[in-house]
Amino acid sequence: MLANPRRVRRFTRDQYFKTSAEMQALFADLPSALANSVEIAKRCNLSLVLGKPQLPDFPIPPVNGVVMEANEYFRYASHEGLKERMAHLYPDAAKREAEMPRYVERLEFELTTILKMGFPGYFLIVGDFINWAKNNGCPVGPGRGSGAGSLVAYALKITDLDPLQYNLLFERFLNPERVSMPDFDIDFCQGNRDRVIDYVKEKYGKDAVSQIATFGTMAARAAIRDVGRVLDMSYTFCDGISKLIPNKPGVAVTLQLPPPDKKKDDKMV
């Protein structure tokens, strides 16, 4: 809270976006600084391709001295991984042979979908750094979210859950009817996640790797309550002000004027 005398004070009243007139007044003794800022801005140019995945190339390792195409290697690695998983799931050869057809059928269905949507490289890259983490002392979670429903992910050791055993649907993770980038929820050990990030940067290039963040927004009523809390105002007072705002999105409201008569569409919360 602002009233807390021990709070960190790293801010000043000058920390806001100033107008052109204010900047000219600040740099009245050095007008060239403003002119140079404009010239620098003119030289800055960034073109982004939106709506299309931009993935680095996965380096295909040779198999028996032969370097396959990415799609071919993706299919090969998935089938080989499934064989390894099946040997662990069904140690008995007869039982394994009896169960194999339904696993292969599911695997082929997923492979066809992934290849059709153009995401084999994504699976190979994710499988690469997850397996690197497992082999280099970085604990990794067994799988979480809709990605656990992928048998290909299980075969590539991205996840450690057999989706057929738990009747998990692949379509919840990747569906041609809803084209979107697949997204594995991965849990790394907090003390080792930086090592994994460094590995990815080293292998695929720092210019091809970036970290992202998510942030939330507040509606008008919640914003007033939260600001009041920071200013150490009573909840009753702030809640009363927030209730002056109509419960209708997209309506501009000023609290400097008396609120209009309450209409039936404006619910009080």
Protein backbone atom coordinates (compact mmCIF):
# COMPACT_ATOMS: atom_id res chain seq x y z
CA MET A 1 0.00 0.00 0.00
CA LEU A 2 1.12 3.57 -0.61
CA ALA A 3 0.72 4.32 3.10
CA ASN A 4 3.29 1.68 4.00
CA PRO A 5 6.41 3.62 5.10
CA ARG A 6 8.61 0.63 4.21
CA ARG A 7 7.42 0.27 0.63
CA VAL A 8 9.96 0.54 -2.17
CA ARG A 9 10.08 4.09 -3.56
CA ARG A 10 11.61 3.91 -7.02
CA PHE A 11 9.29 6.33 -8.75
CA THR A 12 9.12 10.09 -9.19
CA ARG A 13 6.43 12.47 -10.39
CA ASP A 14 8.29 12.87 -13.69
CA GLN A 15 7.79 9.24 -14.73
CA TYR A 16 5.08 9.66 -17.34
CA PHE A 17 4.89 10.19 -21.10
CA LYS A 18 5.52 13.88 -21.61
CA THR A 19 4.01 16.02 -24.36
CA SER A 20 6.10 17.50 -27.17
CA ALA A 21 5.93 20.91 -25.52
CA GLU A 22 7.20 19.49 -22.22
CA MET A 23 10.08 17.72 -23.94
CA GLN A 24 11.05 20.90 -25.81
CA ALA A 25 11.10 22.79 -22.53
CA LEU A 26 13.27 20.13 -20.89
CA PHE A 27 15.78 20.15 -23.76
CA ALA A 28 15.66 23.85 -24.53
CA ASP A 29 19.45 24.00 -24.14
CA LEU A 30 19.98 21.01 -26.44
CA PRO A 31 17.34 20.99 -29.21
CA SER A 32 19.49 18.68 -31.34
CA ALA A 33 18.70 15.85 -28.90
CA LEU A 34 15.04 15.99 -29.88
CA ALA A 35 15.89 16.20 -33.57
CA ASN A 36 18.20 13.18 -33.27
CA SER A 37 15.46 11.21 -31.50
CA VAL A 38 13.20 11.76 -34.49
CA GLU A 39 15.95 10.67 -36.89
CA ILE A 40 16.56 7.50 -34.87
CA ALA A 41 12.83 6.73 -34.89
CA LYS A 42 12.78 7.10 -38.69
CA ARG A 43 15.54 4.50 -39.01
CA CYS A 44 13.72 1.96 -36.85
CA ASN A 45 11.81 -0.46 -39.02
CA LEU A 46 10.34 -3.81 -38.05
CA SER A 47 8.20 -6.02 -40.22
CA LEU A 48 6.33 -8.85 -38.49
CA VAL A 49 4.52 -11.72 -40.17
CA LEU A 50 1.41 -12.28 -38.09
CA GLY A 51 -0.86 -15.29 -38.10
CA LYS A 52 1.83 -17.68 -39.34
CA PRO A 53 4.08 -19.77 -37.06
CA GLN A 54 7.76 -18.81 -37.27
CA LEU A 55 9.78 -21.80 -36.07
CA PRO A 56 13.52 -22.43 -36.33
CA ASP A 57 14.60 -25.44 -38.38
CA PHE A 58 15.12 -28.65 -36.45
CA PRO A 59 18.52 -30.18 -37.34
CA ILE A 60 17.71 -33.67 -38.63
CA PRO A 61 20.22 -36.26 -37.33
CA PRO A 62 21.32 -38.93 -39.83
CA VAL A 63 19.74 -42.37 -39.53
CA ASN A 64 22.09 -45.16 -40.64
CA GLY A 65 24.09 -42.56 -42.51
CA VAL A 66 21.04 -41.16 -44.31
CA VAL A 67 19.60 -37.69 -43.66
CA MET A 68 15.83 -37.79 -44.06
CA GLU A 69 13.40 -35.01 -44.86
CA ALA A 70 11.85 -33.41 -41.78
CA ASN A 71 8.41 -35.00 -42.30
CA GLU A 72 9.93 -38.42 -42.96
CA TYR A 73 12.15 -38.22 -39.88
CA PHE A 74 9.21 -37.07 -37.75
CA ARG A 75 7.24 -40.15 -38.76
CA TYR A 76 10.27 -42.41 -38.25
CA ALA A 77 11.06 -41.01 -34.77
CA SER A 78 7.43 -41.35 -33.70
CA HIS A 79 7.18 -45.00 -34.72
CA GLU A 80 10.52 -45.86 -33.13
CA GLY A 81 9.49 -44.08 -29.96
CA LEU A 82 6.20 -45.96 -29.89
CA LYS A 83 8.03 -49.29 -30.13
CA GLU A 84 10.14 -48.32 -27.13
CA ARG A 85 7.10 -47.23 -25.15
CA MET A 86 5.19 -50.41 -26.00
CA ALA A 87 8.07 -52.57 -24.80
CA HIS A 88 7.76 -50.83 -21.45
CA LEU A 89 3.95 -50.85 -21.31
CA TYR A 90 3.57 -54.48 -22.36
CA PRO A 91 6.64 -56.56 -21.43
CA ASP A 92 4.84 -59.70 -22.60
CA ALA A 93 5.47 -60.03 -26.35
CA ALA A 94 2.11 -61.67 -27.09
CA LYS A 95 0.18 -58.98 -25.24
CA ARG A 96 2.25 -56.27 -26.92
CA GLU A 97 1.54 -57.70 -30.37
CA ALA A 98 -2.18 -57.83 -29.62
CA GLU A 99 -2.29 -54.21 -28.43
CA MET A 100 0.00 -52.75 -31.09
CA PRO A 101 -2.61 -52.30 -33.90
CA ARG A 102 -4.79 -49.84 -31.98
CA TYR A 103 -1.74 -47.84 -30.92
CA VAL A 104 -0.40 -47.71 -34.48
CA GLU A 105 -3.83 -46.67 -35.76
CA ARG A 106 -3.98 -43.82 -33.25
CA LEU A 107 -0.39 -42.83 -34.01
CA GLU A 108 -1.05 -42.68 -37.75
CA PHE A 109 -4.16 -40.59 -37.19
CA GLU A 110 -2.19 -38.06 -35.15
CA LEU A 111 0.76 -38.05 -37.56
CA THR A 112 -1.55 -37.33 -40.49
CA THR A 113 -3.14 -34.42 -38.63
CA ILE A 114 0.18 -32.95 -37.48
CA LEU A 115 1.75 -33.22 -40.94
CA LYS A 116 -1.34 -31.77 -42.59
CA MET A 117 -1.25 -28.77 -40.27
CA GLY A 118 2.50 -28.31 -40.73
CA PHE A 119 3.67 -28.77 -37.14
CA PRO A 120 6.18 -31.68 -37.20
CA GLY A 121 9.05 -29.28 -36.49
CA TYR A 122 7.33 -28.03 -33.36
CA PHE A 123 7.00 -31.55 -31.95
CA LEU A 124 10.62 -32.37 -32.78
CA ILE A 125 11.94 -29.18 -31.17
CA VAL A 126 9.89 -29.62 -28.00
CA GLY A 127 10.87 -33.28 -27.79
CA ASP A 128 14.51 -32.29 -28.25
CA PHE A 129 14.81 -29.88 -25.34
CA ILE A 130 12.59 -31.94 -23.03
CA ASN A 131 14.73 -35.02 -23.57
CA TRP A 132 17.88 -32.91 -23.13
CA ALA A 133 16.50 -31.74 -19.79
CA LYS A 134 15.71 -35.28 -18.67
CA ASN A 135 19.20 -36.46 -19.64
CA ASN A 136 20.95 -33.55 -17.95
CA GLY A 137 19.53 -33.54 -14.46
CA CYS A 138 16.61 -31.15 -15.02
CA PRO A 139 13.40 -32.67 -13.62
CA VAL A 140 10.45 -32.39 -16.02
CA GLY A 141 6.77 -32.91 -15.29
CA PRO A 142 5.01 -35.95 -16.81
CA GLY A 143 2.60 -33.83 -18.85
CA ARG A 144 -0.24 -31.43 -18.21
CA GLY A 145 -3.16 -30.00 -20.13
CA SER A 146 -4.54 -31.11 -23.48
CA GLY A 147 -1.07 -32.04 -24.78
CA ALA A 148 -1.20 -35.15 -22.59
CA GLY A 149 -3.80 -36.49 -25.02
CA SER A 150 -1.24 -36.92 -27.80
CA LEU A 151 0.23 -40.36 -28.46
CA VAL A 152 2.90 -38.77 -30.67
CA ALA A 153 3.98 -36.66 -27.70
CA TYR A 154 4.13 -39.82 -25.59
CA ALA A 155 6.17 -41.63 -28.26
CA LEU A 156 8.63 -38.71 -28.52
CA LYS A 157 8.92 -38.61 -24.70
CA ILE A 158 7.45 -35.12 -24.52
CA THR A 159 4.92 -36.52 -22.05
CA ASP A 160 4.96 -39.62 -19.87
CA LEU A 161 1.25 -40.43 -19.95
CA ASP A 162 -0.29 -43.09 -22.18
CA PRO A 163 -3.36 -41.29 -23.60
CA LEU A 164 -5.05 -44.53 -24.66
CA GLN A 165 -4.93 -45.89 -21.14
CA TYR A 166 -6.85 -42.86 -19.87
CA ASN A 167 -9.06 -42.37 -22.95
CA LEU A 168 -7.65 -38.90 -23.65
CA LEU A 169 -8.60 -37.13 -26.87
CA PHE A 170 -5.97 -35.84 -29.28
CA GLU A 171 -8.52 -33.46 -30.84
CA ARG A 172 -8.56 -31.33 -27.70
CA PHE A 173 -4.91 -30.54 -28.35
CA LEU A 174 -4.80 -30.23 -32.13
CA ASN A 175 -7.80 -30.05 -34.41
CA PRO A 176 -7.85 -29.21 -38.15
CA GLU A 177 -11.25 -27.58 -37.64
CA ARG A 178 -9.68 -25.07 -35.24
CA VAL A 179 -6.32 -24.13 -36.71
CA SER A 180 -4.08 -22.80 -33.96
CA MET A 181 -0.51 -23.29 -32.83
CA PRO A 182 -0.13 -26.34 -30.56
CA ASP A 183 1.01 -25.48 -27.06
CA PHE A 184 2.48 -27.97 -24.61
CA ASP A 185 2.21 -27.11 -20.92
CA ILE A 186 5.65 -28.06 -19.61
CA ASP A 187 6.79 -28.00 -16.00
CA PHE A 188 10.54 -27.67 -15.42
CA CYS A 189 12.33 -27.69 -12.11
CA GLN A 190 12.56 -24.06 -10.96
CA GLY A 191 16.26 -24.34 -10.23
CA ASN A 192 17.11 -25.74 -13.67
CA ARG A 193 14.73 -24.06 -16.12
CA ASP A 194 17.36 -21.44 -17.01
CA ARG A 195 19.67 -24.24 -18.14
CA VAL A 196 16.99 -25.50 -20.51
CA ILE A 197 16.42 -22.00 -21.89
CA ASP A 198 20.17 -21.59 -22.42
CA TYR A 199 20.29 -24.93 -24.25
CA VAL A 200 17.49 -23.88 -26.60
CA LYS A 201 19.18 -20.53 -27.30
CA GLU A 202 22.51 -22.23 -27.93
CA LYS A 203 21.10 -24.84 -30.30
CA TYR A 204 18.53 -22.83 -32.24
CA GLY A 205 20.10 -19.37 -32.01
CA LYS A 206 19.37 -16.46 -29.69
CA ASP A 207 17.63 -14.61 -32.52
CA ALA A 208 15.14 -17.49 -32.85
CA VAL A 209 14.26 -17.84 -29.15
CA SER A 210 12.21 -15.47 -27.04
CA GLN A 211 10.34 -15.62 -23.76
CA ILE A 212 6.77 -14.39 -23.57
CA ALA A 213 4.58 -13.16 -20.75
CA THR A 214 0.88 -13.03 -20.06
CA PHE A 215 -0.91 -10.23 -18.26
CA GLY A 216 -4.41 -9.61 -17.08
CA THR A 217 -6.66 -6.58 -17.31
CA MET A 218 -9.26 -5.19 -14.94
CA ALA A 219 -12.73 -3.96 -15.68
CA ALA A 220 -13.72 -0.50 -14.44
CA ARG A 221 -15.31 -1.61 -11.18
CA ALA A 222 -12.45 -3.91 -10.22
CA ALA A 223 -9.92 -1.20 -11.10
CA ILE A 224 -11.56 1.27 -8.73
CA ARG A 225 -11.63 -1.26 -5.90
CA ASP A 226 -7.98 -2.17 -6.46
CA VAL A 227 -6.77 1.44 -6.64
CA GLY A 228 -8.70 2.17 -3.46
CA ARG A 229 -7.03 -0.75 -1.74
CA VAL A 230 -3.58 0.54 -2.72
CA LEU A 231 -4.50 4.01 -1.43
CA ASP A 232 -5.60 2.41 1.85
CA MET A 233 -9.20 3.54 1.46
CA SER A 234 -11.99 1.58 3.06
CA TYR A 235 -13.53 -1.20 1.01
CA THR A 236 -17.04 0.10 1.70
CA PHE A 237 -16.17 3.53 0.27
CA CYS A 238 -14.51 2.13 -2.88
CA ASP A 239 -17.22 -0.44 -3.40
CA GLY A 240 -19.83 2.30 -3.23
CA ILE A 241 -18.02 4.31 -5.92
CA SER A 242 -17.60 1.26 -8.13
CA LYS A 243 -21.33 0.58 -7.98
CA LEU A 244 -21.97 3.97 -9.57
CA ILE A 245 -20.59 2.51 -12.80
CA PRO A 246 -23.30 0.84 -14.93
CA ASN A 247 -22.80 -2.85 -15.46
CA LYS A 248 -22.73 -2.44 -19.22
CA PRO A 249 -19.46 -2.78 -21.18
CA GLY A 250 -18.40 -0.09 -23.62
CA VAL A 251 -20.20 2.77 -21.85
CA ALA A 252 -18.12 5.87 -21.04
CA VAL A 253 -18.83 7.07 -17.51
CA THR A 254 -17.63 10.04 -15.48
CA LEU A 255 -17.99 10.07 -11.72
CA GLN A 256 -17.79 13.87 -11.59
CA LEU A 257 -21.47 14.08 -12.44
CA PRO A 258 -24.35 12.62 -10.44
CA PRO A 259 -25.19 9.14 -11.73
CA PRO A 260 -28.32 8.95 -13.90
CA ASP A 261 -31.39 7.16 -12.70
CA LYS A 262 -30.80 3.44 -12.50
CA LYS A 263 -32.27 1.52 -15.41
CA LYS A 264 -33.38 -2.06 -15.34
CA ASP A 265 -30.48 -3.08 -17.64
CA ASP A 266 -27.91 -1.71 -15.18
CA LYS A 267 -27.53 -4.43 -12.60
CA MET A 268 -25.98 -3.50 -9.29
CA VAL A 269 -23.27 -5.93 -8.21
